[in-house]
Protein backbone atom coordinates (compact mmCIF):
# COMPACT_ATOMS: atom_id res chain seq x y z
CA MET A 1 81.32 -55.48 78.39
CA THR A 2 82.19 -54.30 81.94
CA LYS A 3 81.75 -50.83 82.43
CA ARG A 4 84.83 -48.83 83.18
CA ILE A 5 85.01 -47.12 86.54
CA ILE A 6 86.30 -43.56 86.87
CA ALA A 7 87.75 -41.60 89.97
CA LEU A 8 88.44 -37.89 89.11
CA LEU A 9 90.93 -35.50 90.88
CA SER A 10 89.54 -32.33 89.92
CA LEU A 11 91.16 -29.68 92.14
CA LEU A 12 94.69 -30.99 92.84
CA ILE A 13 97.27 -29.97 90.37
CA VAL A 14 96.91 -26.17 90.68
CA THR A 15 95.78 -25.94 94.24
CA ALA A 16 97.35 -22.73 95.07
CA LEU A 17 96.84 -21.01 98.42
CA LEU A 18 96.22 -17.23 99.08
CA ILE A 19 96.11 -17.58 102.89
CA ALA A 20 94.74 -15.40 105.63
CA ALA A 21 92.56 -15.62 108.69
CA CYS A 22 88.99 -14.32 108.63
CA GLY A 23 86.47 -13.25 111.02
CA GLY A 24 83.84 -14.35 108.76
CA GLY A 25 85.23 -14.79 105.46
CA THR A 26 84.07 -15.02 101.90
CA PRO A 27 82.85 -18.17 100.28
CA ALA A 28 85.17 -20.43 98.51
CA GLU A 29 83.55 -19.81 95.10
CA THR A 30 84.90 -19.65 91.70
CA GLY A 31 86.65 -16.32 90.97
CA PRO A 32 86.80 -14.14 87.94
CA THR A 33 87.61 -16.88 85.69
CA PRO A 34 85.93 -18.76 83.07
CA THR A 35 84.16 -22.06 83.81
CA PRO A 36 86.77 -24.87 85.08
CA PRO A 37 88.03 -27.40 82.62
CA PRO A 38 85.34 -29.83 81.39
CA THR A 39 87.10 -32.89 82.20
CA THR A 40 84.93 -34.31 84.83
CA THR A 41 82.18 -36.40 83.17
CA GLU A 42 84.42 -38.12 80.45
CA THR A 43 84.76 -41.90 80.40
CA THR A 44 88.05 -43.67 79.50
CA PRO A 45 88.23 -43.69 75.57
CA ALA A 46 88.15 -46.72 73.71
CA PRO A 47 91.19 -47.52 71.86
CA THR A 48 89.52 -46.34 68.33
CA PRO A 49 86.80 -44.11 68.03
CA PRO A 50 83.27 -45.90 68.03
CA PRO A 51 81.28 -45.49 64.76
CA VAL A 52 78.51 -42.78 64.79
CA GLU A 53 74.93 -43.95 64.49
CA ASP A 54 72.34 -42.48 62.23
CA ASP A 55 70.93 -40.13 64.88
CA GLY A 56 74.29 -38.70 65.54
CA ARG A 57 74.96 -40.32 69.01
CA ILE A 58 77.93 -42.45 69.91
CA PRO A 59 76.98 -46.03 71.08
CA SER A 60 77.67 -46.33 74.97
CA THR A 61 77.30 -49.52 76.97
CA GLN A 62 75.56 -47.58 79.63
CA ASP A 63 72.43 -45.74 79.81
CA THR A 64 72.96 -43.86 83.02
CA ILE A 65 76.23 -42.22 84.51
CA THR A 66 76.22 -41.50 88.22
CA ILE A 67 78.65 -38.81 89.49
CA LEU A 68 79.45 -38.33 93.01
CA SER A 69 80.02 -34.87 94.32
CA GLY A 70 80.83 -33.21 97.78
CA ALA A 71 77.63 -31.17 97.65
CA LEU A 72 74.51 -30.62 95.43
CA PRO A 73 73.89 -27.26 93.64
CA VAL A 74 72.85 -24.35 95.63
CA ASN A 75 70.89 -22.77 92.65
CA LEU A 76 69.90 -23.86 89.15
CA VAL A 77 69.84 -20.60 87.75
CA PRO A 78 73.24 -19.63 86.04
CA TRP A 79 73.69 -16.31 88.02
CA GLY A 80 71.92 -17.65 91.14
CA ALA A 81 75.05 -19.14 92.79
CA ASN A 82 78.74 -19.30 92.30
CA ASP A 83 79.67 -22.52 94.03
CA SER A 84 81.41 -25.33 92.17
CA ALA A 85 78.50 -27.72 92.63
CA SER A 86 76.22 -25.40 90.95
CA SER A 87 78.53 -24.62 88.22
CA GLU A 88 79.40 -28.35 87.31
CA VAL A 89 75.63 -29.23 87.15
CA ASN A 90 74.65 -25.76 85.41
CA LYS A 91 77.15 -26.31 82.49
CA GLN A 92 75.31 -29.49 81.55
CA ILE A 93 71.96 -27.66 81.57
CA TYR A 94 72.96 -24.27 79.83
CA SER A 95 75.02 -23.49 76.66
CA HIS A 96 77.05 -20.35 76.49
CA LEU A 97 78.16 -17.78 73.84
CA PHE A 98 81.61 -19.44 74.00
CA VAL A 99 83.29 -22.32 75.11
CA LEU A 100 87.04 -22.40 75.96
CA ASP A 101 89.80 -25.23 75.22
CA TYR A 102 91.57 -25.13 78.30
CA ASP A 103 94.87 -26.42 76.93
CA THR A 104 95.01 -23.41 74.71
CA PHE A 105 92.38 -21.01 76.05
CA GLU A 106 91.08 -20.49 72.64
CA VAL A 107 87.41 -20.53 71.61
CA VAL A 108 85.80 -23.90 70.49
CA PRO A 109 83.47 -22.76 67.63
CA GLU A 110 81.61 -26.08 67.34
CA ARG A 111 80.65 -25.92 70.89
CA SER A 112 79.80 -22.23 71.33
CA LEU A 113 76.51 -20.62 70.59
CA ALA A 114 78.25 -17.60 68.81
CA VAL A 115 79.22 -18.30 65.21
CA GLU A 116 80.52 -14.79 64.53
CA TRP A 117 81.88 -11.84 66.58
CA SER A 118 83.77 -8.65 66.06
CA GLN A 119 85.19 -5.85 68.36
CA PRO A 120 84.97 -2.75 66.67
CA ASP A 121 86.28 -1.32 69.82
CA ALA A 122 87.66 -2.42 73.31
CA SER A 123 84.12 -1.77 74.75
CA THR A 124 81.87 -3.29 72.28
CA THR A 125 81.71 -6.69 70.93
CA ASN A 126 79.17 -7.77 68.02
CA ILE A 127 77.95 -11.31 68.26
CA ARG A 128 75.82 -13.69 65.82
CA ILE A 129 74.43 -16.64 67.31
CA ARG A 130 73.47 -20.27 66.01
CA ASP A 131 70.05 -20.08 64.13
CA ASN A 132 69.19 -23.94 65.11
CA VAL A 133 69.13 -23.89 68.68
CA VAL A 134 65.97 -24.61 70.99
CA PHE A 135 65.48 -24.73 74.60
CA HIS A 136 64.45 -27.99 76.35
CA ASN A 137 60.67 -26.83 76.27
CA GLY A 138 60.95 -26.33 72.57
CA THR A 139 61.12 -22.68 72.48
CA PRO A 140 63.78 -21.39 69.78
CA LEU A 141 66.66 -19.39 71.36
CA THR A 142 67.15 -16.03 70.29
CA ALA A 143 69.43 -12.85 70.73
CA HIS A 144 66.73 -11.37 72.94
CA ASP A 145 67.29 -14.71 75.25
CA VAL A 146 70.88 -13.86 75.37
CA ALA A 147 70.80 -10.24 75.89
CA PHE A 148 68.28 -10.70 78.86
CA SER A 149 70.35 -13.49 80.38
CA LEU A 150 73.67 -11.36 80.41
CA ILE A 151 71.99 -8.08 81.58
CA GLU A 152 70.88 -10.53 84.69
CA ALA A 153 74.10 -11.98 85.22
CA SER A 154 75.78 -8.67 85.10
CA SER A 155 73.69 -7.39 88.15
CA SER A 156 73.67 -10.61 90.29
CA PRO A 157 75.78 -10.54 93.36
CA HIS A 158 76.92 -14.06 92.70
CA THR A 159 78.43 -13.23 89.09
CA ALA A 160 78.71 -9.42 89.12
CA ALA A 161 82.54 -9.95 89.87
CA PHE A 162 83.32 -11.23 86.46
CA LEU A 163 80.27 -10.23 84.49
CA GLY A 164 79.58 -6.89 85.96
CA MET A 165 81.76 -4.89 83.46
CA ILE A 166 78.70 -5.40 81.17
CA SER A 167 76.94 -2.05 80.84
CA ASP A 168 74.28 -3.45 78.43
CA ALA A 169 73.52 -6.32 75.87
CA VAL A 170 71.26 -5.18 72.81
CA ALA A 171 69.59 -7.62 70.65
CA HIS A 172 69.08 -6.09 66.98
CA ASP A 173 67.13 -9.06 65.71
CA ASP A 174 66.72 -12.71 66.57
CA PHE A 175 70.34 -13.80 65.80
CA ASN A 176 72.29 -10.51 66.36
CA LEU A 177 73.46 -8.66 69.40
CA THR A 178 76.14 -6.24 70.80
CA VAL A 179 77.48 -6.50 74.33
CA TYR A 180 78.73 -3.33 75.67
CA THR A 181 81.33 -3.07 78.69
CA GLU A 182 81.37 0.23 80.77
CA MET A 183 85.10 0.52 80.22
CA PRO A 184 87.60 -1.04 77.45
CA PHE A 185 87.71 -4.65 78.59
CA VAL A 186 89.88 -6.78 76.46
CA PRO A 187 89.04 -10.30 78.02
CA ILE A 188 85.26 -9.97 77.78
CA ILE A 189 84.94 -13.12 75.36
CA ARG A 190 86.61 -15.44 78.24
CA HIS A 191 84.37 -13.81 80.71
CA LEU A 192 81.18 -14.71 78.76
CA ALA A 193 82.55 -18.43 78.75
CA HIS A 194 81.85 -18.53 82.40
CA THR A 195 79.04 -20.68 83.69
CA GLY A 196 77.37 -17.61 85.09
CA ALA A 197 76.53 -16.51 81.71
CA GLY A 198 74.53 -19.33 80.59
CA ILE A 199 71.50 -18.65 78.53
CA VAL A 200 67.67 -18.89 79.91
CA PRO A 201 64.59 -18.45 77.96
CA ALA A 202 63.71 -14.67 78.83
CA GLY A 203 60.03 -15.04 78.52
CA LEU A 204 59.64 -18.28 80.60
CA PHE A 205 62.00 -16.67 83.37
CA GLN A 206 60.06 -13.15 83.49
CA GLU A 207 56.99 -15.47 83.76
CA LEU A 208 57.87 -17.46 86.79
CA GLY A 209 60.38 -15.41 88.38
CA LEU A 210 64.18 -16.70 89.72
CA ASP A 211 62.96 -18.96 92.61
CA ALA A 212 60.37 -20.95 90.51
CA PHE A 213 62.55 -21.21 87.44
CA ALA A 214 65.17 -22.38 89.73
CA GLU A 215 63.05 -25.33 90.86
CA ASN A 216 62.49 -26.50 87.06
CA PRO A 217 65.47 -24.78 84.99
CA VAL A 218 65.36 -24.91 81.20
CA GLY A 219 68.21 -24.23 79.12
CA THR A 220 69.68 -25.39 75.64
CA GLY A 221 72.59 -27.58 77.08
CA PRO A 222 73.33 -31.21 76.20
CA PHE A 223 71.11 -32.19 79.31
CA ALA A 224 67.76 -31.25 80.62
CA PHE A 225 66.78 -30.97 84.26
CA GLN A 226 64.30 -33.96 85.61
CA ASN A 227 64.41 -33.61 89.08
CA MET A 228 66.39 -32.81 92.36
CA VAL A 229 66.11 -34.51 95.78
CA LEU A 230 67.38 -32.20 98.18
CA GLY A 231 70.34 -33.87 100.13
CA ASP A 232 70.65 -36.63 97.68
CA HIS A 233 70.64 -35.96 93.87
CA VAL A 234 70.04 -34.30 90.84
CA GLU A 235 68.86 -36.18 88.00
CA LEU A 236 69.26 -34.90 84.22
CA ALA A 237 67.95 -36.42 81.02
CA THR A 238 69.74 -36.27 77.35
CA ASN A 239 68.62 -33.52 75.38
CA VAL A 240 67.72 -35.31 72.12
CA ASN A 241 67.31 -32.03 70.33
CA TYR A 242 70.83 -30.58 71.30
CA TRP A 243 72.22 -28.72 68.72
CA GLY A 244 75.69 -30.23 69.06
CA GLN A 245 76.80 -33.68 69.64
CA VAL A 246 73.88 -35.46 71.48
CA PRO A 247 75.26 -37.23 74.57
CA ALA A 248 75.77 -40.86 74.26
CA ILE A 249 73.99 -41.91 77.47
CA ASP A 250 70.31 -41.14 78.70
CA THR A 251 70.74 -40.25 82.30
CA LEU A 252 73.24 -38.16 84.24
CA ILE A 253 72.87 -38.31 87.95
CA TRP A 254 74.66 -36.21 90.51
CA ARG A 255 74.65 -37.70 94.02
CA VAL A 256 75.94 -35.94 96.93
CA VAL A 257 78.46 -38.04 99.18
CA PRO A 258 80.08 -35.39 101.36
CA GLU A 259 83.02 -37.66 102.43
CA ALA A 260 85.66 -37.66 99.60
CA SER A 261 87.13 -41.25 100.86
CA VAL A 262 83.58 -42.57 100.61
CA ARG A 263 83.25 -41.23 97.04
CA LEU A 264 86.28 -43.07 95.94
CA MET A 265 85.02 -46.27 97.74
CA GLU A 266 81.87 -46.26 96.08
CA VAL A 267 83.51 -45.90 92.72
CA ILE A 268 85.77 -48.62 93.36
CA ALA A 269 82.93 -51.02 94.66
CA GLY A 270 81.05 -50.19 91.19
CA ASN A 271 78.19 -48.18 92.87
CA ALA A 272 79.02 -45.10 90.94
CA ASP A 273 81.02 -43.95 87.68
CA VAL A 274 82.61 -40.92 88.65
CA ALA A 275 84.20 -39.43 91.87
CA LEU A 276 85.05 -35.49 92.05
CA ALA A 277 87.51 -34.13 94.11
CA ILE A 278 89.20 -37.11 95.85
CA LEU A 279 91.96 -36.23 98.31
CA PRO A 280 95.66 -36.36 97.82
CA VAL A 281 96.07 -38.90 100.43
CA GLU A 282 93.67 -41.43 98.34
CA VAL A 283 95.49 -40.84 95.18
CA ALA A 284 97.81 -44.10 95.63
CA MET A 285 94.62 -46.07 96.56
CA ALA A 286 93.07 -44.64 92.96
CA GLU A 287 96.01 -45.61 91.22
CA ALA A 288 96.46 -49.04 92.67
CA SER A 289 92.88 -50.15 91.91
CA PRO A 290 92.60 -51.96 88.39
CA ASP A 291 88.98 -50.82 88.19
CA VAL A 292 89.77 -47.10 88.39
CA THR A 293 91.18 -44.61 86.04
CA LEU A 294 92.48 -41.55 87.74
CA HIS A 295 92.39 -38.25 85.68
CA ARG A 296 94.71 -35.35 86.81
CA ALA A 297 94.51 -32.24 84.83
CA MET A 298 95.44 -28.69 85.48
CA ASN A 299 92.65 -26.12 86.58
CA LEU A 300 92.01 -22.73 87.26
CA SER A 301 91.26 -23.06 90.84
CA THR A 302 92.93 -20.99 93.70
CA ASN A 303 92.15 -22.35 97.38
CA TYR A 304 92.08 -19.62 99.70
CA ILE A 305 90.92 -18.31 103.07
CA GLY A 306 89.35 -14.76 102.71
CA PHE A 307 89.38 -11.86 104.92
CA ASN A 308 86.28 -10.23 106.33
CA VAL A 309 87.45 -6.71 106.33
CA GLN A 310 84.54 -5.52 108.21
CA GLN A 311 85.42 -7.40 111.35
CA PRO A 312 87.15 -5.77 114.15
CA HIS A 313 91.00 -6.11 113.93
CA ILE A 314 90.87 -7.59 110.67
CA SER A 315 89.88 -4.38 109.04
CA ASN A 316 93.42 -3.03 109.92
CA PRO A 317 95.50 -3.63 106.61
CA LEU A 318 98.98 -3.77 108.76
CA VAL A 319 97.07 -6.85 110.78
CA ARG A 320 96.19 -8.84 107.45
CA GLN A 321 99.85 -8.06 106.37
CA ALA A 322 101.22 -9.69 109.54
CA ILE A 323 98.76 -12.50 109.11
CA ASN A 324 100.21 -13.27 105.64
CA TYR A 325 103.89 -13.05 107.05
CA ALA A 326 102.85 -15.59 109.65
CA ILE A 327 101.71 -18.14 107.30
CA ASP A 328 103.87 -20.82 105.79
CA THR A 329 101.93 -21.39 102.47
CA GLN A 330 104.55 -23.92 101.26
CA GLU A 331 103.91 -25.81 104.44
CA ILE A 332 100.22 -26.17 104.00
CA VAL A 333 100.83 -27.43 100.27
CA ASP A 334 103.09 -30.05 101.31
CA VAL A 335 101.17 -31.30 104.66
CA VAL A 336 97.65 -30.86 103.57
CA PHE A 337 97.80 -31.30 99.95
CA MET A 338 100.82 -33.63 100.00
CA GLY A 339 102.92 -31.49 97.71
CA VAL A 340 100.24 -31.37 94.98
CA GLY A 341 99.86 -27.78 93.82
CA ALA A 342 101.88 -24.73 94.67
CA PRO A 343 101.43 -21.49 96.73
CA ALA A 344 99.84 -18.87 94.94
CA HIS A 345 101.64 -15.62 93.78
CA GLY A 346 98.42 -13.75 93.36
CA PRO A 347 94.58 -13.99 93.43
CA LEU A 348 94.39 -15.83 90.01
CA ALA A 349 95.95 -19.19 88.99
CA ASP A 350 98.77 -18.78 86.57
CA LEU A 351 96.63 -20.44 83.84
CA VAL A 352 94.37 -17.44 83.69
CA TRP A 353 94.65 -15.05 81.02
CA GLY A 354 96.20 -11.84 82.35
CA PHE A 355 97.86 -13.46 85.17
CA ALA A 356 100.59 -11.24 86.77
CA GLU A 357 103.01 -12.98 89.20
CA LEU A 358 103.05 -10.98 92.59
CA GLU A 359 105.69 -10.66 95.13
CA PRO A 360 104.59 -13.52 97.65
CA PHE A 361 104.42 -13.19 101.28
CA THR A 362 107.66 -15.06 102.25
CA PRO A 363 107.14 -16.54 106.01
CA ASN A 364 108.75 -14.11 108.22
CA MET A 365 107.59 -14.00 112.07
CA ASP A 366 109.63 -11.05 113.00
CA ARG A 367 108.08 -9.07 110.41
CA ALA A 368 104.75 -10.23 111.36
CA ARG A 369 105.55 -8.97 114.95
CA GLU A 370 106.73 -5.56 113.91
CA LEU A 371 103.46 -5.17 111.94
CA LEU A 372 101.24 -6.09 114.71
CA ILE A 373 103.26 -3.81 117.12
CA GLU A 374 102.63 -0.96 114.47
CA ALA A 375 99.03 -1.73 114.28
CA GLY A 376 98.77 -1.07 118.27
CA TYR A 377 98.78 -4.84 119.35
CA ASN A 378 101.15 -6.98 121.59
CA PRO A 379 102.46 -10.16 119.60
CA THR A 380 103.91 -11.89 122.56
CA PRO A 381 101.87 -14.97 123.24
CA GLY A 382 100.06 -15.18 126.88
CA GLU A 383 100.24 -11.35 127.38
CA PRO A 384 97.71 -8.69 127.44
CA GLY A 385 97.25 -6.87 124.26
CA GLY A 386 96.20 -9.61 121.64
CA PHE A 387 93.00 -10.18 120.03
CA SER A 388 90.78 -13.14 118.97
CA THR A 389 89.11 -13.74 115.88
CA SER A 390 87.75 -16.89 113.95
CA ILE A 391 88.18 -18.96 111.04
CA TRP A 392 85.21 -21.02 109.35
CA TRP A 393 85.24 -24.11 107.30
CA ASN A 394 82.46 -26.23 105.95
CA ILE A 395 82.17 -29.77 106.97
CA PRO A 396 83.21 -32.40 105.93
CA ASN A 397 86.01 -30.66 103.91
CA ALA A 398 89.23 -32.40 105.79
CA GLN A 399 91.45 -30.12 103.73
CA ARG A 400 90.01 -26.83 104.90
CA GLU A 401 89.90 -28.22 108.41
CA GLN A 402 93.47 -29.10 108.45
CA GLN A 403 94.40 -25.59 106.85
CA ALA A 404 92.23 -23.88 109.75
CA GLU A 405 94.22 -25.81 112.46
CA ILE A 406 97.54 -24.82 110.89
CA VAL A 407 96.78 -21.27 110.45
CA GLN A 408 95.30 -21.47 114.24
CA HIS A 409 98.55 -22.80 115.30
CA ASP A 410 100.58 -20.22 113.40
CA LEU A 411 98.48 -17.16 114.56
CA ALA A 412 98.83 -18.27 118.34
CA MET A 413 102.62 -17.42 118.01
CA LEU A 414 101.47 -13.68 117.49
CA ASN A 415 99.10 -13.57 120.48
CA ILE A 416 96.08 -14.16 118.03
CA ASP A 417 93.53 -16.54 119.51
CA VAL A 418 91.62 -18.14 116.38
CA GLU A 419 88.39 -20.05 117.09
CA ILE A 420 87.72 -22.55 114.43
CA ILE A 421 83.95 -22.77 113.39
CA SER A 422 82.75 -25.62 111.44
CA MET A 423 79.39 -25.71 109.71
CA GLU A 424 77.31 -27.18 106.87
CA TRP A 425 77.81 -25.98 103.41
CA ALA A 426 74.70 -24.06 102.97
CA ALA A 427 75.26 -22.40 106.21
CA TYR A 428 78.51 -21.43 105.29
CA LEU A 429 77.39 -19.96 102.09
CA GLU A 430 74.55 -18.00 103.86
CA GLY A 431 76.89 -16.68 106.62
CA THR A 432 79.66 -15.65 104.34
CA GLU A 433 77.35 -13.80 102.05
CA GLN A 434 75.73 -11.88 104.89
CA GLY A 435 79.32 -11.03 105.78
CA LEU A 436 78.91 -12.42 109.47
């Protein structure tokens, strides 16, 4: 049977823009939302469900699935990073207390470690976990591992934004624990579904330390870490002792191919099975190929350019407001994303629980000039009294380069000289984390 080849469009339908210029910026990491929809590793289903074998695995015509991504994980500890590449791989290695259905945003019990939970008050969540789960190294999972992992994640600079409200996690025995938040926090269940809340074996992690554990991570997820070749690929093997539905394949390979167009061509040529995050301009090519199935789905992503408010000029809120008024986000959606997506009406996508639609910055160059004058700057191009700043983008992300060029052009009309700086992904993350 000829294998099906899949091209995935994972970041298109709800690509919303919160636009601003930055001196250094913040990394384009996952916001305070649950892990993205788990739709990026599924093959096209057969017309009728295949029979289940005695070992519980669904038969497959392939032993290995190769996924092409724009970058490799930065860190394989759940709370060691928050970039999308790390999250995609980590959610295969680790299990979570809660997994959500991204159509309804309700908990999917059969995929969650938690089997019972209650909230006696808005700051307390009692949880009972499964009693048949073992880590990849054969160690049984206990509530002590869960409590340890949540406390570590709550204090990590990478995950504190959406788990930092956890003030404590206490294991009462091997299967029962209580999670406390420092204030009444209604959406805690959904935050515990984030990839940053993955569970590690506490004893092994404490013995090895973060860096050594990251080199050979151990979880309870459907796939176990095998090896990673820097700059090339990550290899995972099926966890045959997985507590849920054992994967149908034996090996899952994440291979880095920075250019989106090359990822798509590799899939069309049959050299890989899945291409993540293809560009809008390539949709027609994917749809025209008889060997490719294009999956388009709503997601939780907000595409943004962040302000570094510690930089000169940008620290002034009047300047930031002026920049927002100067940028036409609809133009960016139409030109860069070819109309796929919509301008953001707040920092969160409208699929996120608790979303509130804020008054958008309607493009208004006159208002932008007024605000700059109030802030003490001369907004007339070519005259003294303007200022310079910079905007970073990570190569070879063509969409971010195009966005930077549009912002550069628009801000020049306000006498703001924007330098566009390109850098490799690792350097981009390091520099933004340091607030450069």
